[in-house]
Amino acid sequence: MNLSLIVTDAGPLVTLAVAESLDTLLLPQLPVIIPDMVRFEVTRHVDKPGAKALLDWIRRHTGKEVRVDSTETFEEFVLLSRMDPSARIRNRGEQAAAEILSRELAQGHTSALLLFEDSDIRKTSFLVRLPDQVLVLSTSAFLLGLQKAGLIPNAQAILARAVPIRGSAIHERVATQTGEGPDIRDNWVTHVKPS
């Protein structure tokens, strides 16, 4: 499994934004894709923790290392919310991430890293929606991988900065992968193949 891109859900973006560490997403030197639905989830209330920092970060890096991709999931949500302003966002970020992963892998990427920060990562129903060749990491597992590779000095220090806002659950290290092939969860950084 040679990782060739990063797709992120909302949780890791908020955690890294409040920890002032969004640039850690750039350290593997892979394209970072944020689904439009995820950007909406994180930034729709600009006064929420991490929202403004994420918007600024996206502006600084769009067109270079970061892009926000359109999804049918978000288009559908926009239409539904026009008809019913109380339309729920729940699970739409993960649906949008799965949509982007499927599209990118179909277009030639060999495998991808999905950053996710939720207990759903362990649920079979979530993993079934993901295409093969996806490594799913919590923010903690991602940062620990960067530390192990010598790309950051202290993963726990970054997480500690986010705990007052995000809670101690962000320390939970979760990693799983879809499809067949060798288990790369603990040494994922060595499988990064920048394009």
N, C-alpha and C. Protein backbone atom coordinates (compact mmCIF):
# COMPACT_ATOMS: atom_id res chain seq x y z
N MET A 1 0.86 -1.18 0.00
CA MET A 1 0.00 0.00 0.00
C MET A 1 0.90 1.24 0.00
N ASN A 2 0.86 1.99 -1.08
CA ASN A 2 1.61 3.24 -1.18
C ASN A 2 0.65 4.41 -1.10
N LEU A 3 0.67 5.11 0.00
CA LEU A 3 -0.26 6.22 0.23
C LEU A 3 0.07 7.39 -0.68
N SER A 4 -0.95 7.90 -1.39
CA SER A 4 -0.68 8.97 -2.34
C SER A 4 -1.55 10.21 -2.13
N LEU A 5 -2.43 10.19 -1.15
CA LEU A 5 -3.20 11.39 -0.82
C LEU A 5 -3.80 11.26 0.57
N ILE A 6 -4.21 12.42 1.12
CA ILE A 6 -4.86 12.48 2.43
C ILE A 6 -6.24 13.10 2.23
N VAL A 7 -7.26 12.45 2.77
CA VAL A 7 -8.61 13.02 2.84
C VAL A 7 -8.93 13.13 4.32
N THR A 8 -9.54 14.24 4.71
CA THR A 8 -9.79 14.42 6.13
C THR A 8 -11.25 14.71 6.43
N ASP A 9 -11.70 14.18 7.55
CA ASP A 9 -13.03 14.46 8.07
C ASP A 9 -12.93 15.68 8.98
N ALA A 10 -14.04 16.10 9.53
CA ALA A 10 -14.10 17.35 10.31
C ALA A 10 -13.30 17.30 11.62
N GLY A 11 -13.40 16.22 12.37
CA GLY A 11 -12.76 16.15 13.69
C GLY A 11 -11.29 16.48 13.69
N PRO A 12 -10.48 15.84 12.84
CA PRO A 12 -9.05 16.16 12.82
C PRO A 12 -8.77 17.61 12.46
N LEU A 13 -9.57 18.18 11.58
CA LEU A 13 -9.36 19.59 11.21
C LEU A 13 -9.57 20.50 12.41
N VAL A 14 -10.62 20.24 13.18
CA VAL A 14 -10.90 21.06 14.36
C VAL A 14 -9.78 20.87 15.39
N THR A 15 -9.42 19.63 15.65
CA THR A 15 -8.36 19.35 16.63
C THR A 15 -7.06 20.04 16.25
N LEU A 16 -6.64 19.89 15.01
CA LEU A 16 -5.38 20.49 14.58
C LEU A 16 -5.48 22.01 14.52
N ALA A 17 -6.65 22.54 14.19
CA ALA A 17 -6.82 24.00 14.16
C ALA A 17 -6.71 24.59 15.56
N VAL A 18 -7.40 24.01 16.54
CA VAL A 18 -7.34 24.58 17.89
C VAL A 18 -5.96 24.36 18.52
N ALA A 19 -5.23 23.36 18.04
CA ALA A 19 -3.86 23.12 18.53
C ALA A 19 -2.84 23.92 17.72
N GLU A 20 -3.32 24.73 16.81
CA GLU A 20 -2.45 25.54 15.94
C GLU A 20 -1.43 24.66 15.22
N SER A 21 -1.90 23.54 14.69
CA SER A 21 -1.01 22.56 14.07
C SER A 21 -1.54 22.02 12.74
N LEU A 22 -2.33 22.81 12.02
CA LEU A 22 -2.84 22.35 10.73
C LEU A 22 -1.72 22.02 9.75
N ASP A 23 -0.60 22.68 9.87
CA ASP A 23 0.50 22.42 8.94
C ASP A 23 1.07 21.01 9.06
N THR A 24 0.76 20.29 10.13
CA THR A 24 1.21 18.90 10.22
C THR A 24 0.60 18.06 9.09
N LEU A 25 -0.55 18.48 8.58
CA LEU A 25 -1.17 17.76 7.46
C LEU A 25 -0.30 17.80 6.21
N LEU A 26 0.56 18.80 6.11
CA LEU A 26 1.41 18.96 4.93
C LEU A 26 2.72 18.18 5.02
N LEU A 27 3.07 17.73 6.21
CA LEU A 27 4.37 17.08 6.41
C LEU A 27 4.59 15.81 5.59
N PRO A 28 3.57 14.98 5.35
CA PRO A 28 3.81 13.81 4.50
C PRO A 28 4.03 14.16 3.02
N GLN A 29 3.85 15.43 2.67
CA GLN A 29 4.04 15.90 1.30
C GLN A 29 3.11 15.20 0.31
N LEU A 30 1.87 15.01 0.74
CA LEU A 30 0.83 14.44 -0.10
C LEU A 30 -0.26 15.49 -0.31
N PRO A 31 -1.00 15.41 -1.41
CA PRO A 31 -2.14 16.31 -1.56
C PRO A 31 -3.13 16.07 -0.43
N VAL A 32 -3.67 17.16 0.12
CA VAL A 32 -4.68 17.08 1.18
C VAL A 32 -6.00 17.52 0.57
N ILE A 33 -7.00 16.63 0.64
CA ILE A 33 -8.31 16.94 0.08
C ILE A 33 -9.31 17.06 1.22
N ILE A 34 -10.01 18.19 1.24
CA ILE A 34 -11.07 18.42 2.22
C ILE A 34 -12.39 18.39 1.46
N PRO A 35 -13.29 17.47 1.79
CA PRO A 35 -14.59 17.47 1.12
C PRO A 35 -15.35 18.76 1.43
N ASP A 36 -16.08 19.28 0.45
CA ASP A 36 -16.83 20.51 0.66
C ASP A 36 -17.80 20.40 1.83
N MET A 37 -18.37 19.22 2.02
CA MET A 37 -19.29 19.01 3.14
C MET A 37 -18.55 19.16 4.47
N VAL A 38 -17.33 18.67 4.53
CA VAL A 38 -16.52 18.76 5.75
C VAL A 38 -16.16 20.22 6.03
N ARG A 39 -15.74 20.93 5.00
CA ARG A 39 -15.43 22.36 5.19
C ARG A 39 -16.66 23.08 5.74
N PHE A 40 -17.83 22.79 5.19
CA PHE A 40 -19.06 23.42 5.67
C PHE A 40 -19.31 23.08 7.13
N GLU A 41 -19.17 21.81 7.48
CA GLU A 41 -19.38 21.39 8.88
C GLU A 41 -18.51 22.18 9.85
N VAL A 42 -17.25 22.34 9.50
CA VAL A 42 -16.30 22.98 10.41
C VAL A 42 -16.45 24.49 10.43
N THR A 43 -16.80 25.09 9.30
CA THR A 43 -16.73 26.56 9.19
C THR A 43 -18.07 27.27 9.11
N ARG A 44 -19.17 26.56 9.16
CA ARG A 44 -20.47 27.24 9.00
C ARG A 44 -20.74 28.22 10.13
N HIS A 45 -20.19 27.97 11.29
CA HIS A 45 -20.29 28.91 12.41
C HIS A 45 -18.88 29.41 12.69
N VAL A 46 -18.55 30.56 12.12
CA VAL A 46 -17.17 31.05 12.16
C VAL A 46 -16.68 31.32 13.59
N ASP A 47 -17.61 31.42 14.54
CA ASP A 47 -17.23 31.65 15.94
C ASP A 47 -16.89 30.35 16.68
N LYS A 48 -17.11 29.21 16.06
CA LYS A 48 -16.79 27.93 16.69
C LYS A 48 -15.27 27.72 16.72
N PRO A 49 -14.77 26.98 17.72
CA PRO A 49 -13.33 26.73 17.80
C PRO A 49 -12.77 26.11 16.52
N GLY A 50 -11.72 26.70 16.02
CA GLY A 50 -11.03 26.18 14.85
C GLY A 50 -11.54 26.66 13.51
N ALA A 51 -12.75 27.21 13.46
CA ALA A 51 -13.36 27.57 12.17
C ALA A 51 -12.56 28.62 11.42
N LYS A 52 -12.26 29.72 12.07
CA LYS A 52 -11.53 30.80 11.39
C LYS A 52 -10.12 30.36 11.02
N ALA A 53 -9.46 29.65 11.92
CA ALA A 53 -8.10 29.17 11.63
C ALA A 53 -8.11 28.25 10.42
N LEU A 54 -9.12 27.38 10.32
CA LEU A 54 -9.19 26.48 9.17
C LEU A 54 -9.44 27.25 7.88
N LEU A 55 -10.35 28.20 7.90
CA LEU A 55 -10.60 29.01 6.70
C LEU A 55 -9.34 29.72 6.24
N ASP A 56 -8.62 30.32 7.17
CA ASP A 56 -7.37 31.00 6.83
C ASP A 56 -6.34 30.03 6.26
N TRP A 57 -6.23 28.86 6.87
CA TRP A 57 -5.28 27.85 6.42
C TRP A 57 -5.62 27.36 5.01
N ILE A 58 -6.89 27.11 4.77
CA ILE A 58 -7.32 26.67 3.43
C ILE A 58 -6.96 27.75 2.40
N ARG A 59 -7.25 29.01 2.73
CA ARG A 59 -6.92 30.11 1.80
C ARG A 59 -5.43 30.16 1.48
N ARG A 60 -4.60 29.97 2.48
CA ARG A 60 -3.14 30.03 2.29
C ARG A 60 -2.61 28.87 1.43
N HIS A 61 -3.26 27.73 1.50
CA HIS A 61 -2.70 26.53 0.86
C HIS A 61 -3.48 26.01 -0.34
N THR A 62 -4.65 26.57 -0.63
CA THR A 62 -5.44 26.11 -1.77
C THR A 62 -4.67 26.36 -3.06
N GLY A 63 -4.69 25.35 -3.92
CA GLY A 63 -3.99 25.46 -5.18
C GLY A 63 -2.57 24.95 -5.10
N LYS A 64 -2.10 24.74 -3.89
CA LYS A 64 -0.75 24.20 -3.71
C LYS A 64 -0.91 22.78 -3.18
N GLU A 65 -0.90 22.65 -1.86
CA GLU A 65 -0.96 21.33 -1.24
C GLU A 65 -2.38 20.90 -0.87
N VAL A 66 -3.31 21.84 -0.83
CA VAL A 66 -4.65 21.59 -0.29
C VAL A 66 -5.70 21.94 -1.33
N ARG A 67 -6.74 21.13 -1.37
CA ARG A 67 -7.88 21.51 -2.20
C ARG A 67 -9.17 21.08 -1.51
N VAL A 68 -10.23 21.83 -1.79
CA VAL A 68 -11.57 21.49 -1.32
C VAL A 68 -12.30 20.93 -2.53
N ASP A 69 -12.76 19.68 -2.43
CA ASP A 69 -13.42 19.03 -3.56
C ASP A 69 -14.93 19.00 -3.38
N SER A 70 -15.61 19.19 -4.49
CA SER A 70 -17.08 19.14 -4.51
C SER A 70 -17.55 17.70 -4.42
N THR A 71 -18.70 17.54 -3.76
CA THR A 71 -19.29 16.20 -3.63
C THR A 71 -20.79 16.27 -3.88
N GLU A 72 -21.34 15.18 -4.35
CA GLU A 72 -22.79 15.06 -4.49
C GLU A 72 -23.45 15.11 -3.11
N THR A 73 -22.75 14.62 -2.11
CA THR A 73 -23.28 14.63 -0.75
C THR A 73 -23.59 16.05 -0.31
N PHE A 74 -22.69 16.99 -0.56
CA PHE A 74 -22.92 18.38 -0.17
C PHE A 74 -24.00 19.02 -1.04
N GLU A 75 -23.97 18.75 -2.35
CA GLU A 75 -25.01 19.29 -3.23
C GLU A 75 -26.40 18.86 -2.75
N GLU A 76 -26.52 17.59 -2.40
CA GLU A 76 -27.79 17.06 -1.89
C GLU A 76 -28.18 17.77 -0.60
N PHE A 77 -27.21 17.96 0.30
CA PHE A 77 -27.49 18.63 1.56
C PHE A 77 -27.98 20.06 1.32
N VAL A 78 -27.34 20.78 0.41
CA VAL A 78 -27.75 22.16 0.11
C VAL A 78 -29.19 22.18 -0.37
N LEU A 79 -29.54 21.28 -1.28
CA LEU A 79 -30.92 21.21 -1.79
C LEU A 79 -31.91 20.87 -0.67
N LEU A 80 -31.56 19.88 0.14
CA LEU A 80 -32.44 19.49 1.25
C LEU A 80 -32.62 20.62 2.25
N SER A 81 -31.53 21.33 2.55
CA SER A 81 -31.63 22.39 3.56
C SER A 81 -32.43 23.59 3.05
N ARG A 82 -32.50 23.77 1.74
CA ARG A 82 -33.36 24.82 1.19
C ARG A 82 -34.83 24.48 1.40
N MET A 83 -35.15 23.19 1.27
CA MET A 83 -36.53 22.74 1.47
C MET A 83 -36.85 22.61 2.96
N ASP A 84 -35.86 22.20 3.73
CA ASP A 84 -36.05 22.00 5.16
C ASP A 84 -34.81 22.50 5.90
N PRO A 85 -34.87 23.75 6.40
CA PRO A 85 -33.70 24.33 7.08
C PRO A 85 -33.19 23.51 8.27
N SER A 86 -34.00 22.60 8.77
CA SER A 86 -33.55 21.77 9.90
C SER A 86 -32.89 20.46 9.44
N ALA A 87 -32.61 20.34 8.14
CA ALA A 87 -31.97 19.12 7.62
C ALA A 87 -30.68 18.85 8.40
N ARG A 88 -30.49 17.60 8.75
CA ARG A 88 -29.36 17.22 9.59
C ARG A 88 -28.08 16.99 8.80
N ILE A 89 -26.98 17.33 9.44
CA ILE A 89 -25.65 17.15 8.84
C ILE A 89 -25.10 15.76 9.16
N ARG A 90 -25.57 15.16 10.21
CA ARG A 90 -25.02 13.92 10.76
C ARG A 90 -24.60 12.92 9.68
N ASN A 91 -23.36 12.46 9.78
CA ASN A 91 -22.75 11.46 8.90
C ASN A 91 -22.48 11.92 7.48
N ARG A 92 -22.85 13.13 7.14
CA ARG A 92 -22.64 13.59 5.76
C ARG A 92 -21.15 13.84 5.47
N GLY A 93 -20.40 14.26 6.47
CA GLY A 93 -18.96 14.46 6.26
C GLY A 93 -18.27 13.16 5.91
N GLU A 94 -18.60 12.09 6.63
CA GLU A 94 -17.98 10.80 6.32
C GLU A 94 -18.46 10.28 4.97
N GLN A 95 -19.72 10.55 4.61
CA GLN A 95 -20.22 10.15 3.29
C GLN A 95 -19.45 10.88 2.19
N ALA A 96 -19.22 12.17 2.40
CA ALA A 96 -18.48 12.97 1.42
C ALA A 96 -17.04 12.47 1.30
N ALA A 97 -16.43 12.13 2.43
CA ALA A 97 -15.06 11.61 2.41
C ALA A 97 -15.00 10.29 1.63
N ALA A 98 -15.96 9.40 1.88
CA ALA A 98 -16.00 8.13 1.15
C ALA A 98 -16.21 8.36 -0.34
N GLU A 99 -17.03 9.34 -0.68
CA GLU A 99 -17.27 9.68 -2.09
C GLU A 99 -15.97 10.13 -2.76
N ILE A 100 -15.24 11.00 -2.10
CA ILE A 100 -13.98 11.50 -2.67
C ILE A 100 -12.94 10.38 -2.76
N LEU A 101 -12.86 9.57 -1.73
CA LEU A 101 -11.91 8.45 -1.76
C LEU A 101 -12.20 7.53 -2.94
N SER A 102 -13.46 7.19 -3.14
CA SER A 102 -13.84 6.32 -4.27
C SER A 102 -13.44 6.95 -5.60
N ARG A 103 -13.73 8.22 -5.74
CA ARG A 103 -13.43 8.92 -6.99
C ARG A 103 -11.91 8.98 -7.24
N GLU A 104 -11.15 9.37 -6.22
CA GLU A 104 -9.70 9.50 -6.37
C GLU A 104 -9.03 8.16 -6.65
N LEU A 105 -9.46 7.13 -5.96
CA LEU A 105 -8.86 5.81 -6.17
C LEU A 105 -9.22 5.28 -7.56
N ALA A 106 -10.42 5.59 -8.04
CA ALA A 106 -10.82 5.18 -9.40
C ALA A 106 -10.02 5.93 -10.46
N GLN A 107 -9.52 7.11 -10.11
CA GLN A 107 -8.76 7.91 -11.07
C GLN A 107 -7.25 7.65 -11.02
N GLY A 108 -6.85 6.62 -10.31
CA GLY A 108 -5.45 6.23 -10.40
C GLY A 108 -4.62 6.31 -9.13
N HIS A 109 -5.12 6.92 -8.08
CA HIS A 109 -4.36 6.88 -6.82
C HIS A 109 -4.38 5.45 -6.32
N THR A 110 -3.23 4.97 -5.85
CA THR A 110 -3.14 3.57 -5.43
C THR A 110 -3.75 3.32 -4.07
N SER A 111 -3.59 4.24 -3.15
CA SER A 111 -4.19 4.11 -1.83
C SER A 111 -4.20 5.48 -1.16
N ALA A 112 -4.99 5.59 -0.10
CA ALA A 112 -5.19 6.90 0.52
C ALA A 112 -5.24 6.77 2.03
N LEU A 113 -5.00 7.90 2.66
CA LEU A 113 -5.07 8.02 4.11
C LEU A 113 -6.30 8.86 4.43
N LEU A 114 -7.18 8.34 5.28
CA LEU A 114 -8.35 9.08 5.75
C LEU A 114 -8.15 9.41 7.21
N LEU A 115 -8.16 10.70 7.53
CA LEU A 115 -8.08 11.12 8.93
C LEU A 115 -9.49 11.27 9.45
N PHE A 116 -9.73 10.63 10.59
CA PHE A 116 -11.06 10.55 11.14
C PHE A 116 -10.94 10.56 12.65
N GLU A 117 -11.89 11.15 13.33
CA GLU A 117 -11.79 11.25 14.78
C GLU A 117 -13.13 10.93 15.43
N ASP A 118 -13.52 9.70 15.33
CA ASP A 118 -14.84 9.34 15.81
C ASP A 118 -14.86 7.86 16.13
N SER A 119 -15.72 7.47 17.03
CA SER A 119 -15.81 6.05 17.38
C SER A 119 -16.38 5.23 16.22
N ASP A 120 -17.03 5.88 15.24
CA ASP A 120 -17.56 5.17 14.08
C ASP A 120 -16.47 4.49 13.27
N ILE A 121 -15.24 4.91 13.47
CA ILE A 121 -14.11 4.33 12.73
C ILE A 121 -14.05 2.82 12.94
N ARG A 122 -14.54 2.36 14.06
CA ARG A 122 -14.47 0.93 14.39
C ARG A 122 -15.70 0.17 13.94
N LYS A 123 -16.72 0.87 13.51
CA LYS A 123 -17.96 0.21 13.14
C LYS A 123 -17.85 -0.36 11.73
N THR A 124 -18.28 -1.59 11.59
CA THR A 124 -18.23 -2.24 10.29
C THR A 124 -19.03 -1.46 9.26
N SER A 125 -20.15 -0.87 9.66
CA SER A 125 -20.98 -0.13 8.71
C SER A 125 -20.22 1.05 8.10
N PHE A 126 -19.33 1.66 8.86
CA PHE A 126 -18.52 2.75 8.33
C PHE A 126 -17.47 2.21 7.36
N LEU A 127 -16.79 1.16 7.75
CA LEU A 127 -15.72 0.61 6.91
C LEU A 127 -16.25 0.04 5.60
N VAL A 128 -17.47 -0.49 5.60
CA VAL A 128 -18.07 -1.04 4.39
C VAL A 128 -18.24 0.05 3.33
N ARG A 129 -18.50 1.27 3.76
CA ARG A 129 -18.70 2.38 2.82
C ARG A 129 -17.41 2.86 2.18
N LEU A 130 -16.29 2.48 2.74
CA LEU A 130 -15.00 2.94 2.21
C LEU A 130 -14.51 2.00 1.12
N PRO A 131 -13.86 2.56 0.11
CA PRO A 131 -13.25 1.69 -0.90
C PRO A 131 -12.04 0.96 -0.31
N ASP A 132 -11.61 -0.08 -1.01
CA ASP A 132 -10.38 -0.77 -0.60
C ASP A 132 -9.20 0.18 -0.72
N GLN A 133 -8.14 -0.17 -0.05
CA GLN A 133 -6.89 0.58 -0.11
C GLN A 133 -6.95 1.92 0.61
N VAL A 134 -7.66 1.95 1.73
CA VAL A 134 -7.73 3.16 2.55
C VAL A 134 -7.21 2.84 3.94
N LEU A 135 -6.27 3.64 4.40
CA LEU A 135 -5.78 3.56 5.77
C LEU A 135 -6.51 4.63 6.56
N VAL A 136 -7.23 4.24 7.59
CA VAL A 136 -8.01 5.17 8.41
C VAL A 136 -7.27 5.38 9.72
N LEU A 137 -6.92 6.65 9.99
CA LEU A 137 -6.19 6.98 11.21
C LEU A 137 -6.91 8.05 12.00
N SER A 138 -6.88 7.93 13.31
CA SER A 138 -7.31 9.02 14.17
C SER A 138 -6.23 10.10 14.14
N THR A 139 -6.57 11.28 14.61
CA THR A 139 -5.59 12.37 14.67
C THR A 139 -4.38 11.95 15.50
N SER A 140 -4.64 11.28 16.60
CA SER A 140 -3.57 10.82 17.49
C SER A 140 -2.63 9.87 16.76
N ALA A 141 -3.18 8.88 16.06
CA ALA A 141 -2.35 7.92 15.32
C ALA A 141 -1.56 8.61 14.21
N PHE A 142 -2.17 9.59 13.56
CA PHE A 142 -1.49 10.36 12.52
C PHE A 142 -0.28 11.10 13.11
N LEU A 143 -0.52 11.82 14.20
CA LEU A 143 0.56 12.60 14.82
C LEU A 143 1.66 11.70 15.37
N LEU A 144 1.29 10.58 15.97
CA LEU A 144 2.30 9.65 16.48
C LEU A 144 3.14 9.07 15.34
N GLY A 145 2.53 8.84 14.18
CA GLY A 145 3.29 8.39 13.01
C GLY A 145 4.29 9.44 12.56
N LEU A 146 3.86 10.71 12.57
CA LEU A 146 4.78 11.79 12.21
C LEU A 146 5.94 11.89 13.20
N GLN A 147 5.62 11.71 14.48
CA GLN A 147 6.67 11.75 15.51
C GLN A 147 7.65 10.60 15.32
N LYS A 148 7.12 9.41 15.10
CA LYS A 148 7.96 8.22 14.91
C LYS A 148 8.92 8.41 13.72
N ALA A 149 8.45 9.13 12.70
CA ALA A 149 9.28 9.38 11.51
C ALA A 149 10.21 10.58 11.69
N GLY A 150 10.14 11.23 12.85
CA GLY A 150 11.00 12.38 13.11
C GLY A 150 10.54 13.67 12.45
N LEU A 151 9.28 13.72 12.03
CA LEU A 151 8.76 14.92 11.36
C LEU A 151 8.21 15.95 12.34
N ILE A 152 7.84 15.51 13.52
CA ILE A 152 7.45 16.43 14.61
C ILE A 152 8.12 15.94 15.89
N PRO A 153 8.39 16.85 16.83
CA PRO A 153 9.09 16.43 18.04
C PRO A 153 8.19 15.74 19.06
N ASN A 154 6.90 16.14 19.16
CA ASN A 154 6.10 15.65 20.27
C ASN A 154 4.61 15.67 19.92
N ALA A 155 4.08 14.53 19.54
CA ALA A 155 2.66 14.41 19.19
C ALA A 155 1.77 14.75 20.38
N GLN A 156 2.15 14.29 21.56
CA GLN A 156 1.32 14.52 22.75
C GLN A 156 1.20 16.00 23.08
N ALA A 157 2.23 16.78 22.81
CA ALA A 157 2.17 18.22 23.08
C ALA A 157 1.11 18.89 22.19
N ILE A 158 1.02 18.45 20.94
CA ILE A 158 -0.01 18.99 20.04
C ILE A 158 -1.39 18.61 20.55
N LEU A 159 -1.57 17.35 20.88
CA LEU A 159 -2.87 16.90 21.38
C LEU A 159 -3.24 17.61 22.67
N ALA A 160 -2.27 17.83 23.54
CA ALA A 160 -2.53 18.50 24.82
C ALA A 160 -3.06 19.91 24.61
N ARG A 161 -2.61 20.58 23.56
CA ARG A 161 -3.11 21.94 23.29
C ARG A 161 -4.58 21.92 22.87
N ALA A 162 -5.03 20.81 22.32
CA ALA A 162 -6.42 20.72 21.86
C ALA A 162 -7.38 20.20 22.94
N VAL A 163 -6.85 19.52 23.95
CA VAL A 163 -7.70 18.89 24.98
C VAL A 163 -8.68 19.85 25.65
N PRO A 164 -8.29 21.08 26.02
CA PRO A 164 -9.27 21.95 26.68
C PRO A 164 -10.54 22.19 25.87
N ILE A 165 -10.44 22.13 24.56
CA ILE A 165 -11.61 22.35 23.71
C ILE A 165 -12.19 21.04 23.19
N ARG A 166 -11.34 20.09 22.82
CA ARG A 166 -11.78 18.86 22.18
C ARG A 166 -12.02 17.71 23.15
N GLY A 167 -11.46 17.77 24.36
CA GLY A 167 -11.62 16.69 25.32
C GLY A 167 -10.51 15.66 25.20
N SER A 168 -10.38 14.84 26.21
CA SER A 168 -9.26 13.89 26.26
C SER A 168 -9.42 12.70 25.32
N ALA A 169 -10.60 12.51 24.76
CA ALA A 169 -10.81 11.38 23.83
C ALA A 169 -9.92 11.49 22.60
N ILE A 170 -9.42 12.68 22.28
CA ILE A 170 -8.57 12.82 21.10
C ILE A 170 -7.24 12.10 21.26
N HIS A 171 -6.90 11.71 22.49
CA HIS A 171 -5.67 10.96 22.72
C HIS A 171 -5.80 9.51 22.27
N GLU A 172 -7.04 9.05 22.04
CA GLU A 172 -7.24 7.66 21.66
C GLU A 172 -6.63 7.39 20.29
N ARG A 173 -5.76 6.43 20.25
CA ARG A 173 -5.08 6.07 19.00
C ARG A 173 -5.88 4.98 18.31
N VAL A 174 -6.42 5.30 17.15
CA VAL A 174 -7.21 4.34 16.39
C VAL A 174 -6.65 4.28 14.97
N ALA A 175 -6.46 3.07 14.48
CA ALA A 175 -5.99 2.88 13.11
C ALA A 175 -6.58 1.60 12.57
N THR A 176 -7.07 1.65 11.34
CA THR A 176 -7.58 0.46 10.66
C THR A 176 -7.35 0.65 9.17
N GLN A 177 -7.40 -0.42 8.43
CA GLN A 177 -7.25 -0.27 6.99
C GLN A 177 -8.20 -1.19 6.27
N THR A 178 -8.57 -0.78 5.05
CA THR A 178 -9.49 -1.56 4.24
C THR A 178 -8.70 -2.30 3.16
N GLY A 179 -9.31 -3.30 2.59
CA GLY A 179 -8.66 -4.04 1.51
C GLY A 179 -7.65 -5.03 2.04
N GLU A 180 -6.98 -5.67 1.11
CA GLU A 180 -5.97 -6.66 1.46
C GLU A 180 -4.58 -6.06 1.32
N GLY A 181 -3.63 -6.76 1.84
CA GLY A 181 -2.25 -6.28 1.75
C GLY A 181 -1.63 -6.22 3.12
N PRO A 182 -0.36 -5.84 3.17
CA PRO A 182 0.34 -5.80 4.46
C PRO A 182 -0.24 -4.75 5.39
N ASP A 183 -0.15 -5.02 6.67
CA ASP A 183 -0.63 -4.09 7.69
C ASP A 183 0.39 -2.97 7.86
N ILE A 184 -0.02 -1.74 7.53
CA ILE A 184 0.91 -0.61 7.61
C ILE A 184 0.50 0.40 8.67
N ARG A 185 -0.41 0.02 9.54
CA ARG A 185 -0.95 0.98 10.51
C ARG A 185 0.12 1.61 11.39
N ASP A 186 1.10 0.85 11.81
CA ASP A 186 2.09 1.39 12.74
C ASP A 186 3.27 2.07 12.07
N ASN A 187 3.45 1.85 10.79
CA ASN A 187 4.57 2.49 10.09
C ASN A 187 4.10 3.14 8.79
N TRP A 188 2.94 3.76 8.84
CA TRP A 188 2.32 4.32 7.64
C TRP A 188 3.20 5.36 6.94
N VAL A 189 4.00 6.11 7.68
CA VAL A 189 4.81 7.17 7.07
C VAL A 189 5.79 6.58 6.05
N THR A 190 6.26 5.37 6.28
CA THR A 190 7.20 4.76 5.34
C THR A 190 6.52 4.34 4.04
N HIS A 191 5.21 4.40 4.00
CA HIS A 191 4.45 4.02 2.80
C HIS A 191 3.92 5.24 2.04
N VAL A 192 4.40 6.41 2.39
CA VAL A 192 3.98 7.64 1.71
C VAL A 192 4.76 7.75 0.40
N LYS A 193 4.03 7.97 -0.68
CA LYS A 193 4.64 8.12 -2.00
C LYS A 193 4.13 9.41 -2.63
N PRO A 194 4.81 10.54 -2.35
CA PRO A 194 4.37 11.81 -2.95
C PRO A 194 4.37 11.73 -4.47
N SER A 195 3.36 12.37 -5.06
CA SER A 195 3.26 12.34 -6.53
C SER A 195 4.12 13.40 -7.17
